[in-house]
Amino acid sequence: MTHMNMRNGAGLREVVAAIGRRMGLWGVIGVALALGGCSMLSFGSGSVDTFDLSAATRVKASHATGAQILVPEPVALKSLDTERIVVRPSPAEINYFSGAQWSDRLPRLVQSRLIETFENSGKARAGRPGQGLQIDYQVVTAIRAFEYDASQRKAHVEISAKLMNDHTGKVVAEDVFLAEIDCANDTAAAVTAALRTGLDRELQSIVGWTLKRI
């Protein structure tokens, strides 16, 4: 085996380069990974585009209420309980956008934006568990779908909601809210914009629906 002299100015770069001339690109990568304590070669920044959801700002509500409303985190299947953005290439297949994500787990984002929409309505006080509310009602939700249907080029948002009287434990009303929004193209920016529009419509509907029944 040939011994390489590291004393006379032959540093790590020269060694890697010398071996690389014999072994080619993959040899260089292999040597760089094998030498302990050395930086690995990077072939790209690996950056991820992060997208947010927004609360609805325009809410049609017939009257204000003094009731305090608890909004627990929505229930969701594991495929939706994530920061990743769901894509359905076909009805039976679930995938995710590469290089794109939500700014937080989807259920937590939807919970925050629903609370903000109640606040934006100016008609009710709402909050999450642990915020010291004297709870009168709970709006219990489940995210059934929050995805891009690639075969139809549509954003699909479906949320079920139950309005529960916290004093009696009885469900006062329940409904399912559905929105389908056409996407301009298959990019993450276009898809997340369509999903944001769909959620905006549903947040308005859920808040209006709740206030009518309290």
C-alpha atoms as a PDB file:
ATOM      1  CA  MET A   1       0.000   0.000   0.000  1.00  0.00           C
ATOM      2  CA  THR A   2       1.362   3.444  -0.924  1.00  0.00           C
ATOM      3  CA  HIS A   3       1.927   5.796   2.024  1.00  0.00           C
ATOM      4  CA  MET A   4       1.023   9.483   1.531  1.00  0.00           C
ATOM      5  CA  ASN A   5       3.250  12.112   3.151  1.00  0.00           C
ATOM      6  CA  MET A   6       1.098  14.759   4.940  1.00  0.00           C
ATOM      7  CA  ARG A   7       4.083  16.721   6.296  1.00  0.00           C
ATOM      8  CA  ASN A   8       5.441  18.596   3.279  1.00  0.00           C
ATOM      9  CA  GLY A   9       2.440  20.768   2.422  1.00  0.00           C
ATOM     10  CA  ALA A  10       0.341  17.898   1.084  1.00  0.00           C
ATOM     11  CA  GLY A  11      -2.925  18.709   2.885  1.00  0.00           C
ATOM     12  CA  LEU A  12      -6.276  17.024   2.828  1.00  0.00           C
ATOM     13  CA  ARG A  13      -7.428  18.759  -0.363  1.00  0.00           C
ATOM     14  CA  GLU A  14      -4.361  17.579  -2.297  1.00  0.00           C
ATOM     15  CA  VAL A  15      -4.873  14.000  -1.081  1.00  0.00           C
ATOM     16  CA  VAL A  16      -8.544  13.978  -2.093  1.00  0.00           C
ATOM     17  CA  ALA A  17      -7.711  15.561  -5.448  1.00  0.00           C
ATOM     18  CA  ALA A  18      -4.956  13.037  -6.147  1.00  0.00           C
ATOM     19  CA  ILE A  19      -7.197  10.084  -5.390  1.00  0.00           C
ATOM     20  CA  GLY A  20     -10.037  11.717  -7.298  1.00  0.00           C
ATOM     21  CA  ARG A  21      -7.985  11.866 -10.475  1.00  0.00           C
ATOM     22  CA  ARG A  22      -7.710   8.094 -10.310  1.00  0.00           C
ATOM     23  CA  MET A  23     -11.221   7.251  -9.100  1.00  0.00           C
ATOM     24  CA  GLY A  24     -13.387   9.988 -10.633  1.00  0.00           C
ATOM     25  CA  LEU A  25     -16.193  11.995  -8.969  1.00  0.00           C
ATOM     26  CA  TRP A  26     -17.659   9.142  -6.920  1.00  0.00           C
ATOM     27  CA  GLY A  27     -14.181   8.380  -5.597  1.00  0.00           C
ATOM     28  CA  VAL A  28     -13.864  11.939  -4.329  1.00  0.00           C
ATOM     29  CA  ILE A  29     -17.235  11.710  -2.595  1.00  0.00           C
ATOM     30  CA  GLY A  30     -16.308   8.363  -1.037  1.00  0.00           C
ATOM     31  CA  VAL A  31     -12.988   9.677   0.286  1.00  0.00           C
ATOM     32  CA  ALA A  32     -14.580  12.824   1.671  1.00  0.00           C
ATOM     33  CA  LEU A  33     -17.192  10.804   3.553  1.00  0.00           C
ATOM     34  CA  ALA A  34     -14.640   8.293   4.827  1.00  0.00           C
ATOM     35  CA  LEU A  35     -12.178  10.773   6.329  1.00  0.00           C
ATOM     36  CA  GLY A  36     -13.303  11.317   9.920  1.00  0.00           C
ATOM     37  CA  GLY A  37     -13.860  14.887  11.071  1.00  0.00           C
ATOM     38  CA  CYS A  38     -14.095  16.250   7.512  1.00  0.00           C
ATOM     39  CA  SER A  39     -17.002  18.246   6.059  1.00  0.00           C
ATOM     40  CA  MET A  40     -19.249  16.311   3.703  1.00  0.00           C
ATOM     41  CA  LEU A  41     -19.618  17.646   0.166  1.00  0.00           C
ATOM     42  CA  SER A  42     -22.878  19.553  -0.400  1.00  0.00           C
ATOM     43  CA  PHE A  43     -24.804  19.486  -3.658  1.00  0.00           C
ATOM     44  CA  GLY A  44     -27.537  22.049  -2.952  1.00  0.00           C
ATOM     45  CA  SER A  45     -28.931  24.122  -0.088  1.00  0.00           C
ATOM     46  CA  GLY A  46     -31.729  21.667   0.766  1.00  0.00           C
ATOM     47  CA  SER A  47     -34.036  24.619   1.508  1.00  0.00           C
ATOM     48  CA  VAL A  48     -37.755  24.071   2.047  1.00  0.00           C
ATOM     49  CA  ASP A  49     -40.418  26.628   1.075  1.00  0.00           C
ATOM     50  CA  THR A  50     -42.689  27.302   4.048  1.00  0.00           C
ATOM     51  CA  PHE A  51     -46.304  28.420   3.624  1.00  0.00           C
ATOM     52  CA  ASP A  52     -48.792  29.790   6.145  1.00  0.00           C
ATOM     53  CA  LEU A  53     -52.584  29.815   6.486  1.00  0.00           C
ATOM     54  CA  SER A  54     -54.581  32.892   7.406  1.00  0.00           C
ATOM     55  CA  ALA A  55     -57.694  33.643   9.439  1.00  0.00           C
ATOM     56  CA  ALA A  56     -60.836  34.925   7.740  1.00  0.00           C
ATOM     57  CA  THR A  57     -61.314  38.653   8.175  1.00  0.00           C
ATOM     58  CA  ARG A  58     -64.871  39.027   6.888  1.00  0.00           C
ATOM     59  CA  VAL A  59     -67.459  37.108   8.893  1.00  0.00           C
ATOM     60  CA  LYS A  60     -71.217  37.418   8.512  1.00  0.00           C
ATOM     61  CA  ALA A  61     -72.656  37.048  12.014  1.00  0.00           C
ATOM     62  CA  SER A  62     -76.209  37.942  12.975  1.00  0.00           C
ATOM     63  CA  HIS A  63     -75.515  38.855  16.591  1.00  0.00           C
ATOM     64  CA  ALA A  64     -72.865  39.036  19.275  1.00  0.00           C
ATOM     65  CA  THR A  65     -72.724  36.674  22.218  1.00  0.00           C
ATOM     66  CA  GLY A  66     -71.277  36.858  25.681  1.00  0.00           C
ATOM     67  CA  ALA A  67     -70.642  33.126  25.615  1.00  0.00           C
ATOM     68  CA  GLN A  68     -67.034  31.965  25.799  1.00  0.00           C
ATOM     69  CA  ILE A  69     -66.079  29.351  23.233  1.00  0.00           C
ATOM     70  CA  LEU A  70     -63.375  26.750  23.566  1.00  0.00           C
ATOM     71  CA  VAL A  71     -61.693  25.615  20.338  1.00  0.00           C
ATOM     72  CA  PRO A  72     -59.733  22.383  20.905  1.00  0.00           C
ATOM     73  CA  GLU A  73     -57.140  21.283  18.371  1.00  0.00           C
ATOM     74  CA  PRO A  74     -58.890  19.536  15.461  1.00  0.00           C
ATOM     75  CA  VAL A  75     -58.688  15.777  15.138  1.00  0.00           C
ATOM     76  CA  ALA A  76     -56.921  14.534  11.987  1.00  0.00           C
ATOM     77  CA  LEU A  77     -55.565  11.321  10.542  1.00  0.00           C
ATOM     78  CA  LYS A  78     -51.811  10.814  10.755  1.00  0.00           C
ATOM     79  CA  SER A  79     -51.396  11.700   7.064  1.00  0.00           C
ATOM     80  CA  LEU A  80     -52.765  15.189   7.838  1.00  0.00           C
ATOM     81  CA  ASP A  81     -51.301  15.628  11.315  1.00  0.00           C
ATOM     82  CA  THR A  82     -48.051  17.000   9.930  1.00  0.00           C
ATOM     83  CA  GLU A  83     -46.384  20.081   8.433  1.00  0.00           C
ATOM     84  CA  ARG A  84     -46.265  18.379   5.034  1.00  0.00           C
ATOM     85  CA  ILE A  85     -48.632  19.338   2.208  1.00  0.00           C
ATOM     86  CA  VAL A  86     -50.767  16.436   1.016  1.00  0.00           C
ATOM     87  CA  VAL A  87     -51.117  15.579  -2.662  1.00  0.00           C
ATOM     88  CA  ARG A  88     -53.410  12.874  -4.050  1.00  0.00           C
ATOM     89  CA  PRO A  89     -52.215  11.637  -7.461  1.00  0.00           C
ATOM     90  CA  SER A  90     -55.241   9.286  -7.396  1.00  0.00           C
ATOM     91  CA  PRO A  91     -58.107   8.643  -4.946  1.00  0.00           C
ATOM     92  CA  ALA A  92     -56.243   5.692  -3.386  1.00  0.00           C
ATOM     93  CA  GLU A  93     -52.780   7.296  -3.196  1.00  0.00           C
ATOM     94  CA  ILE A  94     -51.336   9.853  -0.781  1.00  0.00           C
ATOM     95  CA  ASN A  95     -48.147  11.788  -1.435  1.00  0.00           C
ATOM     96  CA  TYR A  96     -46.537  15.050  -0.284  1.00  0.00           C
ATOM     97  CA  PHE A  97     -45.049  18.079  -1.997  1.00  0.00           C
ATOM     98  CA  SER A  98     -41.270  17.894  -2.119  1.00  0.00           C
ATOM     99  CA  GLY A  99     -39.496  20.988  -0.820  1.00  0.00           C
ATOM    100  CA  ALA A 100     -42.635  22.582   0.654  1.00  0.00           C
ATOM    101  CA  GLN A 101     -44.313  22.577   4.055  1.00  0.00           C
ATOM    102  CA  TRP A 102     -46.786  24.419   6.297  1.00  0.00           C
ATOM    103  CA  SER A 103     -45.428  26.691   9.017  1.00  0.00           C
ATOM    104  CA  ASP A 104     -46.716  24.332  11.739  1.00  0.00           C
ATOM    105  CA  ARG A 105     -48.631  21.075  12.089  1.00  0.00           C
ATOM    106  CA  LEU A 106     -51.865  21.438  10.126  1.00  0.00           C
ATOM    107  CA  PRO A 107     -54.279  20.804  13.062  1.00  0.00           C
ATOM    108  CA  ARG A 108     -52.543  23.423  15.185  1.00  0.00           C
ATOM    109  CA  LEU A 109     -52.616  25.928  12.320  1.00  0.00           C
ATOM    110  CA  VAL A 110     -56.344  25.379  11.698  1.00  0.00           C
ATOM    111  CA  GLN A 111     -57.077  25.725  15.425  1.00  0.00           C
ATOM    112  CA  SER A 112     -55.189  29.030  15.624  1.00  0.00           C
ATOM    113  CA  ARG A 113     -56.843  30.458  12.512  1.00  0.00           C
ATOM    114  CA  LEU A 114     -60.337  29.430  13.684  1.00  0.00           C
ATOM    115  CA  ILE A 115     -59.783  31.195  17.029  1.00  0.00           C
ATOM    116  CA  GLU A 116     -58.517  34.287  15.190  1.00  0.00           C
ATOM    117  CA  THR A 117     -61.583  34.237  12.929  1.00  0.00           C
ATOM    118  CA  PHE A 118     -63.879  34.245  15.971  1.00  0.00           C
ATOM    119  CA  GLU A 119     -61.882  37.200  17.296  1.00  0.00           C
ATOM    120  CA  ASN A 120     -62.021  38.978  13.918  1.00  0.00           C
ATOM    121  CA  SER A 121     -65.816  38.696  13.903  1.00  0.00           C
ATOM    122  CA  GLY A 122     -66.012  40.895  17.013  1.00  0.00           C
ATOM    123  CA  LYS A 123     -68.992  38.804  18.101  1.00  0.00           C
ATOM    124  CA  ALA A 124     -67.550  36.247  20.499  1.00  0.00           C
ATOM    125  CA  ARG A 125     -64.618  35.381  22.731  1.00  0.00           C
ATOM    126  CA  ALA A 126     -62.809  32.176  21.834  1.00  0.00           C
ATOM    127  CA  GLY A 127     -59.599  30.479  22.899  1.00  0.00           C
ATOM    128  CA  ARG A 128     -57.673  27.243  23.243  1.00  0.00           C
ATOM    129  CA  PRO A 129     -57.401  25.013  26.332  1.00  0.00           C
ATOM    130  CA  GLY A 130     -55.333  26.549  29.111  1.00  0.00           C
ATOM    131  CA  GLN A 131     -56.236  30.169  28.369  1.00  0.00           C
ATOM    132  CA  GLY A 132     -58.501  30.625  31.410  1.00  0.00           C
ATOM    133  CA  LEU A 133     -61.858  30.711  29.635  1.00  0.00           C
ATOM    134  CA  GLN A 134     -65.085  30.196  31.566  1.00  0.00           C
ATOM    135  CA  ILE A 135     -66.280  27.789  28.913  1.00  0.00           C
ATOM    136  CA  ASP A 136     -69.887  27.890  27.725  1.00  0.00           C
ATOM    137  CA  TYR A 137     -69.511  26.071  24.400  1.00  0.00           C
ATOM    138  CA  GLN A 138     -66.952  24.019  22.542  1.00  0.00           C
ATOM    139  CA  VAL A 139     -66.479  23.910  18.780  1.00  0.00           C
ATOM    140  CA  VAL A 140     -65.032  20.445  18.213  1.00  0.00           C
ATOM    141  CA  THR A 141     -63.677  19.910  14.703  1.00  0.00           C
ATOM    142  CA  ALA A 142     -62.103  17.185  12.601  1.00  0.00           C
ATOM    143  CA  ILE A 143     -60.071  17.766   9.444  1.00  0.00           C
ATOM    144  CA  ARG A 144     -61.391  15.215   6.950  1.00  0.00           C
ATOM    145  CA  ALA A 145     -59.427  16.476   3.962  1.00  0.00           C
ATOM    146  CA  PHE A 146     -56.862  19.188   3.301  1.00  0.00           C
ATOM    147  CA  GLU A 147     -55.156  18.235   0.076  1.00  0.00           C
ATOM    148  CA  TYR A 148     -54.460  18.828  -3.579  1.00  0.00           C
ATOM    149  CA  ASP A 149     -56.297  16.481  -5.946  1.00  0.00           C
ATOM    150  CA  ALA A 150     -53.797  16.264  -8.805  1.00  0.00           C
ATOM    151  CA  SER A 151     -56.147  14.355 -11.101  1.00  0.00           C
ATOM    152  CA  GLN A 152     -58.769  17.127 -10.895  1.00  0.00           C
ATOM    153  CA  ARG A 153     -56.392  20.039 -10.255  1.00  0.00           C
ATOM    154  CA  LYS A 154     -58.479  21.097  -7.267  1.00  0.00           C
ATOM    155  CA  ALA A 155     -57.718  21.951  -3.658  1.00  0.00           C
ATOM    156  CA  HIS A 156     -60.022  19.978  -1.396  1.00  0.00           C
ATOM    157  CA  VAL A 157     -60.802  21.144   2.149  1.00  0.00           C
ATOM    158  CA  GLU A 158     -63.337  19.317   4.314  1.00  0.00           C
ATOM    159  CA  ILE A 159     -63.909  19.973   8.025  1.00  0.00           C
ATOM    160  CA  SER A 160     -66.633  18.563  10.266  1.00  0.00           C
ATOM    161  CA  ALA A 161     -67.767  20.565  13.287  1.00  0.00           C
ATOM    162  CA  LYS A 162     -69.788  19.881  16.416  1.00  0.00           C
ATOM    163  CA  LEU A 163     -71.113  22.626  18.689  1.00  0.00           C
ATOM    164  CA  MET A 164     -71.280  21.317  22.244  1.00  0.00           C
ATOM    165  CA  ASN A 165     -72.874  22.946  25.287  1.00  0.00           C
ATOM    166  CA  ASP A 166     -70.121  22.643  27.875  1.00  0.00           C
ATOM    167  CA  HIS A 167     -72.562  22.872  30.813  1.00  0.00           C
ATOM    168  CA  THR A 168     -74.744  19.955  29.701  1.00  0.00           C
ATOM    169  CA  GLY A 169     -72.259  18.026  27.546  1.00  0.00           C
ATOM    170  CA  LYS A 170     -74.855  17.826  24.769  1.00  0.00           C
ATOM    171  CA  VAL A 171     -74.129  18.421  21.091  1.00  0.00           C
ATOM    172  CA  VAL A 172     -76.277  21.368  20.003  1.00  0.00           C
ATOM    173  CA  ALA A 173     -75.533  21.136  16.273  1.00  0.00           C
ATOM    174  CA  GLU A 174     -73.190  19.426  13.844  1.00  0.00           C
ATOM    175  CA  ASP A 175     -72.347  19.913  10.191  1.00  0.00           C
ATOM    176  CA  VAL A 176     -69.710  19.265   7.521  1.00  0.00           C
ATOM    177  CA  PHE A 177     -68.080  22.128   5.637  1.00  0.00           C
ATOM    178  CA  LEU A 178     -66.644  21.459   2.198  1.00  0.00           C
ATOM    179  CA  ALA A 179     -64.753  23.654  -0.274  1.00  0.00           C
ATOM    180  CA  GLU A 180     -63.190  22.770  -3.632  1.00  0.00           C
ATOM    181  CA  ILE A 181     -61.013  25.393  -5.292  1.00  0.00           C
ATOM    182  CA  ASP A 182     -59.506  25.212  -8.794  1.00  0.00           C
ATOM    183  CA  CYS A 183     -55.695  25.469  -8.890  1.00  0.00           C
ATOM    184  CA  ALA A 184     -53.964  27.570 -11.517  1.00  0.00           C
ATOM    185  CA  ASN A 185     -51.151  25.012 -11.818  1.00  0.00           C
ATOM    186  CA  ASP A 186     -49.356  22.238  -9.934  1.00  0.00           C
ATOM    187  CA  THR A 187     -46.822  24.417  -8.121  1.00  0.00           C
ATOM    188  CA  ALA A 188     -46.708  24.527  -4.339  1.00  0.00           C
ATOM    189  CA  ALA A 189     -47.431  28.270  -4.404  1.00  0.00           C
ATOM    190  CA  ALA A 190     -50.604  27.819  -6.451  1.00  0.00           C
ATOM    191  CA  VAL A 191     -51.793  24.814  -4.447  1.00  0.00           C
ATOM    192  CA  THR A 192     -51.263  26.455  -1.057  1.00  0.00           C
ATOM    193  CA  ALA A 193     -53.037  29.608  -2.286  1.00  0.00           C
ATOM    194  CA  ALA A 194     -56.061  27.513  -3.288  1.00  0.00           C
ATOM    195  CA  LEU A 195     -56.040  25.637   0.033  1.00  0.00           C
ATOM    196  CA  ARG A 196     -55.834  28.973   1.849  1.00  0.00           C
ATOM    197  CA  THR A 197     -58.893  30.214  -0.062  1.00  0.00           C
ATOM    198  CA  GLY A 198     -60.803  27.033   0.763  1.00  0.00           C
ATOM    199  CA  LEU A 199     -59.979  27.293   4.462  1.00  0.00           C
ATOM    200  CA  ASP A 200     -60.960  30.983   4.500  1.00  0.00           C
ATOM    201  CA  ARG A 201     -64.439  30.093   3.240  1.00  0.00           C
ATOM    202  CA  GLU A 202     -64.852  27.327   5.780  1.00  0.00           C
ATOM    203  CA  LEU A 203     -63.666  29.427   8.708  1.00  0.00           C
ATOM    204  CA  GLN A 204     -66.232  32.090   7.818  1.00  0.00           C
ATOM    205  CA  SER A 205     -68.928  29.438   7.557  1.00  0.00           C
ATOM    206  CA  ILE A 206     -68.030  27.706  10.836  1.00  0.00           C
ATOM    207  CA  VAL A 207     -67.989  30.947  12.819  1.00  0.00           C
ATOM    208  CA  GLY A 208     -71.260  32.194  11.294  1.00  0.00           C
ATOM    209  CA  TRP A 209     -72.873  28.778  11.824  1.00  0.00           C
ATOM    210  CA  THR A 210     -71.745  28.721  15.473  1.00  0.00           C
ATOM    211  CA  LEU A 211     -73.019  32.182  16.339  1.00  0.00           C
ATOM    212  CA  LYS A 212     -76.448  31.452  14.853  1.00  0.00           C
ATOM    213  CA  ARG A 213     -76.847  28.487  17.208  1.00  0.00           C
ATOM    214  CA  ILE A 214     -75.698  29.978  20.495  1.00  0.00           C
END
